[in-house]
N, C-alpha and C. Protein backbone atom coordinates (compact mmCIF):
# COMPACT_ATOMS: atom_id res chain seq x y z
N GLY A 1 171.24 184.52 -102.06
CA GLY A 1 170.30 184.23 -101.03
C GLY A 1 170.77 184.70 -99.69
N ARG A 2 172.10 184.78 -99.51
CA ARG A 2 172.59 185.15 -98.19
C ARG A 2 172.36 186.63 -97.89
N GLY A 3 172.36 187.45 -98.92
CA GLY A 3 172.15 188.88 -98.73
C GLY A 3 170.76 189.18 -98.21
N ALA A 4 169.77 188.44 -98.67
CA ALA A 4 168.39 188.66 -98.23
C ALA A 4 168.24 188.31 -96.76
N VAL A 5 168.92 187.24 -96.33
CA VAL A 5 168.82 186.83 -94.93
C VAL A 5 169.46 187.86 -94.03
N SER A 6 170.62 188.36 -94.42
CA SER A 6 171.30 189.33 -93.57
C SER A 6 170.53 190.64 -93.53
N CYS A 7 169.88 191.00 -94.62
CA CYS A 7 169.08 192.22 -94.64
C CYS A 7 167.90 192.08 -93.68
N THR A 8 167.27 190.93 -93.70
CA THR A 8 166.13 190.69 -92.82
C THR A 8 166.60 190.65 -91.37
N SER A 9 167.72 189.99 -91.12
CA SER A 9 168.21 189.92 -89.75
C SER A 9 168.68 191.28 -89.29
N ASP A 10 169.23 192.12 -90.19
CA ASP A 10 169.62 193.47 -89.80
C ASP A 10 168.40 194.28 -89.39
N GLY A 11 167.32 194.13 -90.15
CA GLY A 11 166.09 194.84 -89.81
C GLY A 11 165.55 194.39 -88.46
N LEU A 12 165.66 193.10 -88.21
CA LEU A 12 165.21 192.56 -86.93
C LEU A 12 166.08 193.08 -85.79
N LEU A 13 167.38 193.12 -86.01
CA LEU A 13 168.28 193.66 -84.99
C LEU A 13 167.98 195.12 -84.71
N MET A 14 167.66 195.89 -85.75
CA MET A 14 167.33 197.30 -85.56
C MET A 14 166.07 197.45 -84.71
N ARG A 15 165.09 196.59 -84.96
CA ARG A 15 163.86 196.65 -84.17
C ARG A 15 164.11 196.26 -82.72
N LEU A 16 164.93 195.23 -82.52
CA LEU A 16 165.24 194.80 -81.15
C LEU A 16 166.02 195.86 -80.39
N ARG A 17 166.86 196.60 -81.09
CA ARG A 17 167.66 197.64 -80.44
C ARG A 17 166.87 198.92 -80.23
N GLY A 18 165.67 198.99 -80.77
CA GLY A 18 164.86 200.18 -80.56
C GLY A 18 164.90 201.13 -81.72
N GLY A 19 165.53 200.80 -82.81
CA GLY A 19 165.62 201.68 -83.95
C GLY A 19 164.66 201.28 -85.04
N ALA A 20 163.50 200.81 -84.71
CA ALA A 20 162.54 200.34 -85.71
C ALA A 20 161.94 201.52 -86.46
N GLU A 21 161.56 201.27 -87.69
CA GLU A 21 160.98 202.31 -88.52
C GLU A 21 159.59 202.69 -88.02
N ASP A 22 158.78 201.69 -87.64
CA ASP A 22 157.41 201.92 -87.18
C ASP A 22 157.36 201.86 -85.66
N LYS A 23 158.06 202.76 -85.05
CA LYS A 23 158.17 202.73 -83.58
C LYS A 23 156.93 203.34 -82.95
N ASP A 24 156.24 202.58 -82.12
CA ASP A 24 155.06 203.08 -81.41
C ASP A 24 155.48 203.53 -80.03
N ASP A 25 154.87 204.61 -79.55
CA ASP A 25 155.16 205.12 -78.21
C ASP A 25 154.21 204.54 -77.17
N GLU A 26 153.45 203.53 -77.55
CA GLU A 26 152.48 202.93 -76.64
C GLU A 26 153.19 202.08 -75.59
N ASP A 27 152.87 202.30 -74.32
CA ASP A 27 153.44 201.53 -73.22
C ASP A 27 152.52 200.34 -72.96
N LEU A 28 152.98 199.16 -73.29
CA LEU A 28 152.16 197.97 -73.15
C LEU A 28 151.93 197.58 -71.70
N PHE A 29 152.75 198.06 -70.79
CA PHE A 29 152.63 197.68 -69.39
C PHE A 29 152.01 198.78 -68.54
N ALA A 30 151.52 199.83 -69.15
CA ALA A 30 150.91 200.93 -68.41
C ALA A 30 149.55 200.49 -67.88
N ASP A 31 149.15 201.08 -66.75
CA ASP A 31 147.84 200.79 -66.18
C ASP A 31 146.76 201.42 -67.04
N ASP A 32 145.73 200.68 -67.28
CA ASP A 32 144.61 201.17 -68.05
C ASP A 32 143.48 201.44 -67.07
N ASP A 33 143.14 202.71 -66.86
CA ASP A 33 142.17 203.09 -65.84
C ASP A 33 140.80 202.45 -66.08
N GLU A 34 140.38 202.36 -67.33
CA GLU A 34 139.08 201.78 -67.62
C GLU A 34 139.05 200.31 -67.24
N ASP A 35 140.10 199.58 -67.55
CA ASP A 35 140.16 198.16 -67.20
C ASP A 35 140.23 197.99 -65.69
N ALA A 36 140.96 198.86 -65.01
CA ALA A 36 141.09 198.76 -63.55
C ALA A 36 139.73 198.97 -62.89
N GLU A 37 138.97 199.96 -63.36
CA GLU A 37 137.64 200.21 -62.79
C GLU A 37 136.70 199.04 -63.06
N ALA A 38 136.78 198.49 -64.25
CA ALA A 38 135.93 197.35 -64.58
C ALA A 38 136.30 196.14 -63.72
N ASP A 39 137.59 195.95 -63.48
CA ASP A 39 138.04 194.84 -62.62
C ASP A 39 137.56 195.03 -61.19
N LYS A 40 137.61 196.26 -60.69
CA LYS A 40 137.16 196.53 -59.32
C LYS A 40 135.67 196.24 -59.19
N GLU A 41 134.89 196.67 -60.18
CA GLU A 41 133.45 196.42 -60.14
C GLU A 41 133.16 194.92 -60.19
N ALA A 42 133.89 194.20 -61.02
CA ALA A 42 133.69 192.75 -61.12
C ALA A 42 134.04 192.07 -59.81
N MET A 43 135.12 192.51 -59.16
CA MET A 43 135.52 191.92 -57.88
C MET A 43 134.47 192.19 -56.81
N LYS A 44 133.92 193.42 -56.78
CA LYS A 44 132.88 193.76 -55.80
C LYS A 44 131.65 192.88 -56.01
N LYS A 45 131.29 192.67 -57.27
CA LYS A 45 130.12 191.86 -57.59
C LYS A 45 130.33 190.42 -57.16
N LYS A 46 131.53 189.88 -57.41
CA LYS A 46 131.82 188.51 -57.00
C LYS A 46 131.81 188.38 -55.48
N ALA A 47 132.32 189.39 -54.78
CA ALA A 47 132.34 189.36 -53.31
C ALA A 47 130.92 189.36 -52.76
N GLU A 48 130.05 190.17 -53.36
CA GLU A 48 128.66 190.20 -52.91
C GLU A 48 127.97 188.87 -53.16
N GLU A 49 128.25 188.26 -54.31
CA GLU A 49 127.66 186.95 -54.61
C GLU A 49 128.15 185.88 -53.64
N ALA A 50 129.43 185.95 -53.27
CA ALA A 50 129.99 184.99 -52.32
C ALA A 50 129.35 185.15 -50.95
N LYS A 51 129.11 186.41 -50.53
CA LYS A 51 128.46 186.65 -49.25
C LYS A 51 127.03 186.10 -49.26
N ALA A 52 126.35 186.29 -50.38
CA ALA A 52 124.97 185.80 -50.48
C ALA A 52 124.94 184.26 -50.41
N LYS A 53 125.89 183.62 -51.05
CA LYS A 53 125.97 182.16 -50.99
C LYS A 53 126.30 181.69 -49.59
N ALA A 54 127.16 182.42 -48.88
CA ALA A 54 127.57 182.03 -47.53
C ALA A 54 126.40 182.13 -46.55
N LYS A 55 125.46 183.02 -46.81
CA LYS A 55 124.32 183.20 -45.92
C LYS A 55 123.26 182.11 -46.13
N GLY A 56 123.43 181.28 -47.15
CA GLY A 56 122.46 180.22 -47.45
C GLY A 56 122.30 179.27 -46.29
N ASP A 57 121.17 178.55 -46.27
CA ASP A 57 120.86 177.65 -45.16
C ASP A 57 121.29 176.21 -45.42
N LYS A 58 122.21 175.99 -46.31
CA LYS A 58 122.63 174.62 -46.57
C LYS A 58 123.65 174.18 -45.51
N PRO A 59 123.62 172.90 -45.15
CA PRO A 59 124.53 172.40 -44.10
C PRO A 59 125.99 172.43 -44.58
N PRO A 60 126.91 172.47 -43.64
CA PRO A 60 128.33 172.48 -44.03
C PRO A 60 128.72 171.15 -44.68
N ALA A 61 129.70 171.23 -45.54
CA ALA A 61 130.17 170.04 -46.24
C ALA A 61 130.86 169.10 -45.25
N LYS A 62 130.72 167.80 -45.48
CA LYS A 62 131.33 166.80 -44.60
C LYS A 62 132.25 165.91 -45.42
N THR A 63 133.28 165.44 -44.78
CA THR A 63 134.23 164.53 -45.41
C THR A 63 134.32 163.28 -44.58
N ASN A 64 134.23 162.14 -45.22
CA ASN A 64 134.36 160.86 -44.54
C ASN A 64 135.81 160.40 -44.67
N VAL A 65 136.47 160.18 -43.55
CA VAL A 65 137.87 159.79 -43.53
C VAL A 65 138.00 158.39 -42.93
N VAL A 66 138.76 157.54 -43.58
CA VAL A 66 139.04 156.20 -43.05
C VAL A 66 140.47 156.22 -42.54
N LEU A 67 140.64 155.87 -41.27
CA LEU A 67 141.96 155.90 -40.64
C LEU A 67 142.42 154.47 -40.42
N ASP A 68 143.56 154.11 -40.99
CA ASP A 68 144.17 152.79 -40.78
C ASP A 68 145.30 152.96 -39.77
N VAL A 69 145.19 152.27 -38.63
CA VAL A 69 146.20 152.36 -37.58
C VAL A 69 146.88 151.00 -37.47
N LYS A 70 148.18 150.99 -37.73
CA LYS A 70 148.95 149.75 -37.64
C LYS A 70 149.87 149.83 -36.43
N GLY A 71 149.94 148.72 -35.70
CA GLY A 71 150.80 148.67 -34.52
C GLY A 71 152.25 148.44 -34.89
N TRP A 72 153.15 148.61 -33.91
CA TRP A 72 154.58 148.39 -34.16
C TRP A 72 154.87 146.92 -34.43
N ASP A 73 154.16 146.05 -33.72
CA ASP A 73 154.36 144.61 -33.91
C ASP A 73 153.05 143.89 -33.60
N ASP A 74 153.10 142.55 -33.57
CA ASP A 74 151.89 141.78 -33.34
C ASP A 74 151.42 141.81 -31.90
N GLU A 75 152.20 142.41 -31.00
CA GLU A 75 151.83 142.48 -29.60
C GLU A 75 151.14 143.80 -29.23
N THR A 76 150.98 144.72 -30.16
CA THR A 76 150.33 146.00 -29.90
C THR A 76 148.85 145.77 -29.62
N ASP A 77 148.34 146.35 -28.53
CA ASP A 77 146.94 146.20 -28.13
C ASP A 77 146.09 147.19 -28.94
N LEU A 78 145.46 146.69 -30.00
CA LEU A 78 144.69 147.56 -30.89
C LEU A 78 143.35 147.97 -30.28
N VAL A 79 142.82 147.20 -29.32
CA VAL A 79 141.59 147.58 -28.63
C VAL A 79 141.86 148.84 -27.79
N GLU A 80 142.98 148.83 -27.09
CA GLU A 80 143.38 150.01 -26.31
C GLU A 80 143.68 151.18 -27.26
N MET A 81 144.28 150.87 -28.41
CA MET A 81 144.59 151.91 -29.40
C MET A 81 143.30 152.57 -29.88
N GLU A 82 142.25 151.77 -30.10
CA GLU A 82 140.96 152.34 -30.53
C GLU A 82 140.41 153.30 -29.48
N LYS A 83 140.51 152.92 -28.21
CA LYS A 83 140.05 153.80 -27.12
C LYS A 83 140.81 155.13 -27.16
N LEU A 84 142.12 155.05 -27.38
CA LEU A 84 142.93 156.26 -27.42
C LEU A 84 142.58 157.14 -28.64
N VAL A 85 142.32 156.50 -29.76
CA VAL A 85 141.95 157.25 -30.97
C VAL A 85 140.62 157.95 -30.76
N ARG A 86 139.66 157.25 -30.15
CA ARG A 86 138.33 157.83 -29.94
C ARG A 86 138.35 158.96 -28.92
N GLU A 87 139.39 159.07 -28.12
CA GLU A 87 139.52 160.17 -27.16
C GLU A 87 139.83 161.49 -27.86
N ILE A 88 140.30 161.42 -29.09
CA ILE A 88 140.60 162.64 -29.84
C ILE A 88 139.29 163.33 -30.18
N GLU A 89 139.17 164.58 -29.76
CA GLU A 89 137.95 165.35 -29.99
C GLU A 89 138.30 166.65 -30.70
N MET A 90 137.52 166.95 -31.73
CA MET A 90 137.68 168.20 -32.47
C MET A 90 136.29 168.66 -32.91
N ASP A 91 136.17 169.92 -33.26
CA ASP A 91 134.92 170.47 -33.75
C ASP A 91 134.49 169.76 -35.02
N GLY A 92 133.30 169.18 -35.02
CA GLY A 92 132.78 168.52 -36.21
C GLY A 92 133.27 167.10 -36.42
N LEU A 93 134.11 166.59 -35.54
CA LEU A 93 134.66 165.24 -35.70
C LEU A 93 133.74 164.24 -35.01
N LEU A 94 133.26 163.28 -35.78
CA LEU A 94 132.42 162.22 -35.24
C LEU A 94 133.06 160.89 -35.64
N TRP A 95 133.39 160.06 -34.65
CA TRP A 95 133.96 158.75 -34.94
C TRP A 95 132.83 157.80 -35.29
N GLY A 96 133.05 156.96 -36.26
CA GLY A 96 132.04 155.99 -36.72
C GLY A 96 132.45 154.58 -36.39
N ALA A 97 132.18 153.69 -37.31
CA ALA A 97 132.44 152.26 -37.13
C ALA A 97 133.94 151.96 -37.15
N SER A 98 134.31 150.86 -36.52
CA SER A 98 135.71 150.44 -36.51
C SER A 98 135.77 148.93 -36.54
N GLY A 99 136.93 148.40 -36.84
CA GLY A 99 137.12 146.96 -36.85
C GLY A 99 138.58 146.62 -37.04
N LEU A 100 138.92 145.37 -36.75
CA LEU A 100 140.29 144.90 -36.93
C LEU A 100 140.37 144.11 -38.22
N GLU A 101 141.40 144.38 -39.01
CA GLU A 101 141.58 143.68 -40.28
C GLU A 101 142.95 143.02 -40.30
N GLU A 102 143.00 141.85 -40.89
CA GLU A 102 144.26 141.10 -41.01
C GLU A 102 145.16 141.79 -42.04
N VAL A 103 146.42 142.02 -41.66
CA VAL A 103 147.39 142.62 -42.57
C VAL A 103 148.26 141.53 -43.18
N GLY A 104 148.70 140.61 -42.36
CA GLY A 104 149.56 139.52 -42.82
C GLY A 104 150.51 139.12 -41.72
N TYR A 105 150.97 137.88 -41.77
CA TYR A 105 151.93 137.35 -40.78
C TYR A 105 151.40 137.48 -39.35
N GLY A 106 150.08 137.35 -39.18
CA GLY A 106 149.50 137.40 -37.85
C GLY A 106 149.28 138.80 -37.32
N MET A 107 149.61 139.82 -38.10
CA MET A 107 149.43 141.21 -37.65
C MET A 107 148.07 141.73 -38.13
N LYS A 108 147.51 142.62 -37.34
CA LYS A 108 146.23 143.23 -37.67
C LYS A 108 146.37 144.74 -37.64
N LYS A 109 145.39 145.40 -38.25
CA LYS A 109 145.34 146.87 -38.20
C LYS A 109 143.96 147.30 -37.76
N LEU A 110 143.88 148.45 -37.16
CA LEU A 110 142.62 149.04 -36.75
C LEU A 110 142.15 149.94 -37.87
N LYS A 111 140.92 149.72 -38.35
CA LYS A 111 140.34 150.56 -39.38
C LYS A 111 139.15 151.27 -38.75
N ILE A 112 139.19 152.61 -38.73
CA ILE A 112 138.15 153.38 -38.06
C ILE A 112 137.74 154.54 -38.96
N THR A 113 136.42 154.80 -38.99
CA THR A 113 135.91 155.90 -39.80
C THR A 113 135.32 156.98 -38.91
C-alpha cells in the first residue's frame, strides 16, 4: 500500500514543480479583452442608472438622532447646556424636543432630538 501512496505523491510533486504530463500553456491570470469590454459596458450602464436615480424628485433621506448629554456632576446646569447644544448649527440639522431625565443618585441627563 505504501508504494501506491508514494507514486501518487510523486505525481503530485511533479505537477507542483511544473513537470506535469498534461501541462496547459493557458495563463489563468491574463486579461481577457472580451470580459474587460463587457465589464466596462456594465459599469457605464450602472453609472447612467445612478445618474438617473440621482435626478429624481424624491426628498433627501433624514436620520433622527437622540442625543443624551450627561453633566460632570449633579451641579451641572443642564438648562444652560441645552441652550449651548441648540446653538450648534449645520446644514440640514433641526433640533426637536428635549427634556431632563433622571439617571440616578439625584443626577439628571438632557435628552434632545
